[in-house]
Amino acid sequence: MTIHLTPGSFTNNKITINGQSYQYRCLDGVQMGDTVRVARVVGETLILEKVPSRGTDSEL
């Protein structure tokens, strides 16, 4: 499952998915507007990783 980080779903310590709020940690730096996926769940904390964007110069 991928999640796009928007002001309504993402704060500095919680992420909201399908109306439920969860604590999270990131494997790599993420910011508003990024798309992430849940890499794993540890207790009640989601471990997120950034999904690479498509079509950027760095991938060409």
PDB file of N, CA and C in Angstrom:
ATOM      1  N   MET A   1       0.836  -1.165   0.000  1.00  0.00           N
ATOM      2  CA  MET A   1       0.000   0.000   0.000  1.00  0.00           C
ATOM      3  C   MET A   1       0.890   1.240   0.000  1.00  0.00           C
ATOM      4  N   THR A   2       0.542   2.198  -0.833  1.00  0.00           N
ATOM      5  CA  THR A   2       1.285   3.462  -0.844  1.00  0.00           C
ATOM      6  C   THR A   2       0.379   4.576  -0.342  1.00  0.00           C
ATOM      7  N   ILE A   3       0.985   5.555   0.282  1.00  0.00           N
ATOM      8  CA  ILE A   3       0.266   6.677   0.852  1.00  0.00           C
ATOM      9  C   ILE A   3       0.940   7.953   0.380  1.00  0.00           C
ATOM     10  N   HIS A   4       0.161   8.897  -0.119  1.00  0.00           N
ATOM     11  CA  HIS A   4       0.682  10.204  -0.510  1.00  0.00           C
ATOM     12  C   HIS A   4       0.553  11.117   0.700  1.00  0.00           C
ATOM     13  N   LEU A   5       1.632  11.754   1.119  1.00  0.00           N
ATOM     14  CA  LEU A   5       1.641  12.573   2.325  1.00  0.00           C
ATOM     15  C   LEU A   5       1.060  13.957   2.048  1.00  0.00           C
ATOM     16  N   THR A   6      -0.074  14.237   2.676  1.00  0.00           N
ATOM     17  CA  THR A   6      -0.764  15.517   2.533  1.00  0.00           C
ATOM     18  C   THR A   6      -0.924  16.151   3.912  1.00  0.00           C
ATOM     19  N   PRO A   7      -1.228  17.454   3.971  1.00  0.00           N
ATOM     20  CA  PRO A   7      -1.423  18.094   5.280  1.00  0.00           C
ATOM     21  C   PRO A   7      -2.517  17.421   6.116  1.00  0.00           C
ATOM     22  N   GLY A   8      -3.501  16.828   5.477  1.00  0.00           N
ATOM     23  CA  GLY A   8      -4.587  16.169   6.210  1.00  0.00           C
ATOM     24  C   GLY A   8      -4.223  14.802   6.745  1.00  0.00           C
ATOM     25  N   SER A   9      -3.145  14.196   6.242  1.00  0.00           N
ATOM     26  CA  SER A   9      -2.809  12.835   6.660  1.00  0.00           C
ATOM     27  C   SER A   9      -1.471  12.720   7.371  1.00  0.00           C
ATOM     28  N   PHE A  10      -0.709  13.801   7.420  1.00  0.00           N
ATOM     29  CA  PHE A  10       0.682  13.691   7.849  1.00  0.00           C
ATOM     30  C   PHE A  10       1.041  14.830   8.787  1.00  0.00           C
ATOM     31  N   THR A  11       1.490  14.499  10.006  1.00  0.00           N
ATOM     32  CA  THR A  11       2.002  15.506  10.939  1.00  0.00           C
ATOM     33  C   THR A  11       3.398  15.071  11.353  1.00  0.00           C
ATOM     34  N   ASN A  12       4.013  15.830  12.258  1.00  0.00           N
ATOM     35  CA  ASN A  12       5.384  15.501  12.635  1.00  0.00           C
ATOM     36  C   ASN A  12       5.499  14.223  13.465  1.00  0.00           C
ATOM     37  N   ASN A  13       4.400  13.699  13.990  1.00  0.00           N
ATOM     38  CA  ASN A  13       4.504  12.469  14.776  1.00  0.00           C
ATOM     39  C   ASN A  13       3.414  11.442  14.498  1.00  0.00           C
ATOM     40  N   LYS A  14       2.480  11.755  13.614  1.00  0.00           N
ATOM     41  CA  LYS A  14       1.393  10.821  13.300  1.00  0.00           C
ATOM     42  C   LYS A  14       1.099  10.832  11.805  1.00  0.00           C
ATOM     43  N   ILE A  15       0.608   9.689  11.326  1.00  0.00           N
ATOM     44  CA  ILE A  15       0.105   9.592   9.959  1.00  0.00           C
ATOM     45  C   ILE A  15      -1.291   8.988  10.046  1.00  0.00           C
ATOM     46  N   THR A  16      -2.210   9.503   9.248  1.00  0.00           N
ATOM     47  CA  THR A  16      -3.579   9.009   9.247  1.00  0.00           C
ATOM     48  C   THR A  16      -3.821   8.203   7.981  1.00  0.00           C
ATOM     49  N   ILE A  17      -4.282   6.970   8.169  1.00  0.00           N
ATOM     50  CA  ILE A  17      -4.582   6.069   7.055  1.00  0.00           C
ATOM     51  C   ILE A  17      -5.976   5.517   7.289  1.00  0.00           C
ATOM     52  N   ASN A  18      -6.854   5.719   6.320  1.00  0.00           N
ATOM     53  CA  ASN A  18      -8.241   5.250   6.424  1.00  0.00           C
ATOM     54  C   ASN A  18      -8.891   5.659   7.740  1.00  0.00           C
ATOM     55  N   GLY A  19      -8.657   6.893   8.163  1.00  0.00           N
ATOM     56  CA  GLY A  19      -9.286   7.418   9.358  1.00  0.00           C
ATOM     57  C   GLY A  19      -8.637   7.026  10.683  1.00  0.00           C
ATOM     58  N   GLN A  20      -7.597   6.197  10.649  1.00  0.00           N
ATOM     59  CA  GLN A  20      -6.887   5.776  11.858  1.00  0.00           C
ATOM     60  C   GLN A  20      -5.540   6.477  11.915  1.00  0.00           C
ATOM     61  N   SER A  21      -5.164   6.963  13.101  1.00  0.00           N
ATOM     62  CA  SER A  21      -3.872   7.622  13.275  1.00  0.00           C
ATOM     63  C   SER A  21      -2.856   6.656  13.856  1.00  0.00           C
ATOM     64  N   TYR A  22      -1.634   6.732  13.334  1.00  0.00           N
ATOM     65  CA  TYR A  22      -0.557   5.847  13.767  1.00  0.00           C
ATOM     66  C   TYR A  22       0.718   6.659  13.990  1.00  0.00           C
ATOM     67  N   GLN A  23       1.535   6.221  14.939  1.00  0.00           N
ATOM     68  CA  GLN A  23       2.878   6.759  15.061  1.00  0.00           C
ATOM     69  C   GLN A  23       3.692   6.184  13.913  1.00  0.00           C
ATOM     70  N   TYR A  24       4.743   6.867  13.506  1.00  0.00           N
ATOM     71  CA  TYR A  24       5.558   6.345  12.414  1.00  0.00           C
ATOM     72  C   TYR A  24       7.016   6.701  12.618  1.00  0.00           C
ATOM     73  N   ARG A  25       7.860   5.970  11.924  1.00  0.00           N
ATOM     74  CA  ARG A  25       9.283   6.264  11.790  1.00  0.00           C
ATOM     75  C   ARG A  25       9.603   6.089  10.318  1.00  0.00           C
ATOM     76  N   CYS A  26      10.622   6.807   9.846  1.00  0.00           N
ATOM     77  CA  CYS A  26      10.983   6.755   8.428  1.00  0.00           C
ATOM     78  C   CYS A  26      12.363   6.149   8.246  1.00  0.00           C
ATOM     79  N   LEU A  27      12.498   5.312   7.217  1.00  0.00           N
ATOM     80  CA  LEU A  27      13.790   4.731   6.878  1.00  0.00           C
ATOM     81  C   LEU A  27      14.658   5.746   6.155  1.00  0.00           C
ATOM     82  N   ASP A  28      14.021   6.674   5.479  1.00  0.00           N
ATOM     83  CA  ASP A  28      14.744   7.734   4.785  1.00  0.00           C
ATOM     84  C   ASP A  28      13.923   9.004   4.940  1.00  0.00           C
ATOM     85  N   GLY A  29      14.533  10.137   4.728  1.00  0.00           N
ATOM     86  CA  GLY A  29      13.836  11.407   4.945  1.00  0.00           C
ATOM     87  C   GLY A  29      12.618  11.547   4.050  1.00  0.00           C
ATOM     88  N   VAL A  30      11.477  11.862   4.637  1.00  0.00           N
ATOM     89  CA  VAL A  30      10.267  12.114   3.858  1.00  0.00           C
ATOM     90  C   VAL A  30       9.746  13.495   4.215  1.00  0.00           C
ATOM     91  N   GLN A  31       8.981  14.058   3.303  1.00  0.00           N
ATOM     92  CA  GLN A  31       8.383  15.366   3.526  1.00  0.00           C
ATOM     93  C   GLN A  31       7.023  15.407   2.859  1.00  0.00           C
ATOM     94  N   MET A  32       6.277  16.460   3.158  1.00  0.00           N
ATOM     95  CA  MET A  32       4.962  16.652   2.589  1.00  0.00           C
ATOM     96  C   MET A  32       5.036  16.531   1.072  1.00  0.00           C
ATOM     97  N   GLY A  33       4.089  15.811   0.489  1.00  0.00           N
ATOM     98  CA  GLY A  33       4.056  15.626  -0.956  1.00  0.00           C
ATOM     99  C   GLY A  33       4.709  14.339  -1.425  1.00  0.00           C
ATOM    100  N   ASP A  34       5.514  13.703  -0.572  1.00  0.00           N
ATOM    101  CA  ASP A  34       6.140  12.429  -0.936  1.00  0.00           C
ATOM    102  C   ASP A  34       5.113  11.307  -0.906  1.00  0.00           C
ATOM    103  N   THR A  35       5.425  10.242  -1.602  1.00  0.00           N
ATOM    104  CA  THR A  35       4.641   9.012  -1.526  1.00  0.00           C
ATOM    105  C   THR A  35       5.484   8.000  -0.788  1.00  0.00           C
ATOM    106  N   VAL A  36       4.862   7.322   0.186  1.00  0.00           N
ATOM    107  CA  VAL A  36       5.570   6.354   1.017  1.00  0.00           C
ATOM    108  C   VAL A  36       4.826   5.029   1.013  1.00  0.00           C
ATOM    109  N   ARG A  37       5.516   3.997   1.458  1.00  0.00           N
ATOM    110  CA  ARG A  37       4.865   2.705   1.675  1.00  0.00           C
ATOM    111  C   ARG A  37       5.227   2.229   3.077  1.00  0.00           C
ATOM    112  N   VAL A  38       4.374   1.399   3.632  1.00  0.00           N
ATOM    113  CA  VAL A  38       4.635   0.829   4.947  1.00  0.00           C
ATOM    114  C   VAL A  38       5.584  -0.344   4.748  1.00  0.00           C
ATOM    115  N   ALA A  39       6.794  -0.211   5.264  1.00  0.00           N
ATOM    116  CA  ALA A  39       7.805  -1.260   5.118  1.00  0.00           C
ATOM    117  C   ALA A  39       7.559  -2.383   6.127  1.00  0.00           C
ATOM    118  N   ARG A  40       7.177  -2.001   7.345  1.00  0.00           N
ATOM    119  CA  ARG A  40       6.851  -2.985   8.382  1.00  0.00           C
ATOM    120  C   ARG A  40       6.148  -2.277   9.527  1.00  0.00           C
ATOM    121  N   VAL A  41       5.638  -3.076  10.445  1.00  0.00           N
ATOM    122  CA  VAL A  41       4.966  -2.558  11.624  1.00  0.00           C
ATOM    123  C   VAL A  41       5.694  -3.103  12.839  1.00  0.00           C
ATOM    124  N   VAL A  42       6.064  -2.213  13.760  1.00  0.00           N
ATOM    125  CA  VAL A  42       6.725  -2.615  14.992  1.00  0.00           C
ATOM    126  C   VAL A  42       5.829  -2.140  16.134  1.00  0.00           C
ATOM    127  N   GLY A  43       5.179  -3.072  16.799  1.00  0.00           N
ATOM    128  CA  GLY A  43       4.202  -2.703  17.827  1.00  0.00           C
ATOM    129  C   GLY A  43       3.073  -1.927  17.169  1.00  0.00           C
ATOM    130  N   GLU A  44       2.875  -0.685  17.608  1.00  0.00           N
ATOM    131  CA  GLU A  44       1.847   0.172  17.008  1.00  0.00           C
ATOM    132  C   GLU A  44       2.460   1.282  16.155  1.00  0.00           C
ATOM    133  N   THR A  45       3.733   1.110  15.795  1.00  0.00           N
ATOM    134  CA  THR A  45       4.437   2.111  14.991  1.00  0.00           C
ATOM    135  C   THR A  45       4.645   1.595  13.576  1.00  0.00           C
ATOM    136  N   LEU A  46       4.316   2.428  12.587  1.00  0.00           N
ATOM    137  CA  LEU A  46       4.542   2.072  11.188  1.00  0.00           C
ATOM    138  C   LEU A  46       5.936   2.536  10.790  1.00  0.00           C
ATOM    139  N   ILE A  47       6.665   1.682  10.109  1.00  0.00           N
ATOM    140  CA  ILE A  47       7.968   2.031   9.549  1.00  0.00           C
ATOM    141  C   ILE A  47       7.726   2.333   8.072  1.00  0.00           C
ATOM    142  N   LEU A  48       7.988   3.576   7.681  1.00  0.00           N
ATOM    143  CA  LEU A  48       7.712   4.031   6.320  1.00  0.00           C
ATOM    144  C   LEU A  48       8.993   4.135   5.512  1.00  0.00           C
ATOM    145  N   GLU A  49       8.860   3.893   4.211  1.00  0.00           N
ATOM    146  CA  GLU A  49       9.974   4.147   3.299  1.00  0.00           C
ATOM    147  C   GLU A  49       9.442   4.920   2.103  1.00  0.00           C
ATOM    148  N   LYS A  50      10.264   5.806   1.617  1.00  0.00           N
ATOM    149  CA  LYS A  50       9.896   6.667   0.495  1.00  0.00           C
ATOM    150  C   LYS A  50       9.846   5.855  -0.795  1.00  0.00           C
ATOM    151  N   VAL A  51       8.813   6.097  -1.595  1.00  0.00           N
ATOM    152  CA  VAL A  51       8.686   5.477  -2.910  1.00  0.00           C
ATOM    153  C   VAL A  51       9.358   6.413  -3.905  1.00  0.00           C
ATOM    154  N   PRO A  52      10.329   5.914  -4.682  1.00  0.00           N
ATOM    155  CA  PRO A  52      10.993   6.789  -5.650  1.00  0.00           C
ATOM    156  C   PRO A  52       9.984   7.377  -6.649  1.00  0.00           C
ATOM    157  N   SER A  53      10.151   8.648  -6.961  1.00  0.00           N
ATOM    158  CA  SER A  53       9.259   9.272  -7.939  1.00  0.00           C
ATOM    159  C   SER A  53       9.683   8.832  -9.335  1.00  0.00           C
ATOM    160  N   ARG A  54       8.728   8.808 -10.223  1.00  0.00           N
ATOM    161  CA  ARG A  54       9.014   8.385 -11.601  1.00  0.00           C
ATOM    162  C   ARG A  54       9.318   9.586 -12.465  1.00  0.00           C
ATOM    163  N   GLY A  55      10.195   9.391 -13.423  1.00  0.00           N
ATOM    164  CA  GLY A  55      10.462  10.418 -14.407  1.00  0.00           C
ATOM    165  C   GLY A  55      11.340  11.559 -13.956  1.00  0.00           C
ATOM    166  N   THR A  56      12.114  11.349 -12.904  1.00  0.00           N
ATOM    167  CA  THR A  56      13.010  12.416 -12.479  1.00  0.00           C
ATOM    168  C   THR A  56      14.348  12.264 -13.204  1.00  0.00           C
ATOM    169  N   ASP A  57      15.094  13.330 -13.290  1.00  0.00           N
ATOM    170  CA  ASP A  57      16.381  13.310 -13.964  1.00  0.00           C
ATOM    171  C   ASP A  57      17.357  12.323 -13.304  1.00  0.00           C
ATOM    172  N   SER A  58      17.222  12.119 -12.011  1.00  0.00           N
ATOM    173  CA  SER A  58      18.140  11.227 -11.315  1.00  0.00           C
ATOM    174  C   SER A  58      17.971   9.773 -11.735  1.00  0.00           C
ATOM    175  N   GLU A  59      16.822   9.443 -12.323  1.00  0.00           N
ATOM    176  CA  GLU A  59      16.575   8.059 -12.736  1.00  0.00           C
ATOM    177  C   GLU A  59      16.893   7.846 -14.208  1.00  0.00           C
ATOM    178  N   LEU A  60      17.197   8.894 -14.961  1.00  0.00           N
ATOM    179  CA  LEU A  60      17.431   8.757 -16.405  1.00  0.00           C
ATOM    180  C   LEU A  60      18.832   8.317 -16.707  1.00  0.00           C
TER     181      LEU A  60
END
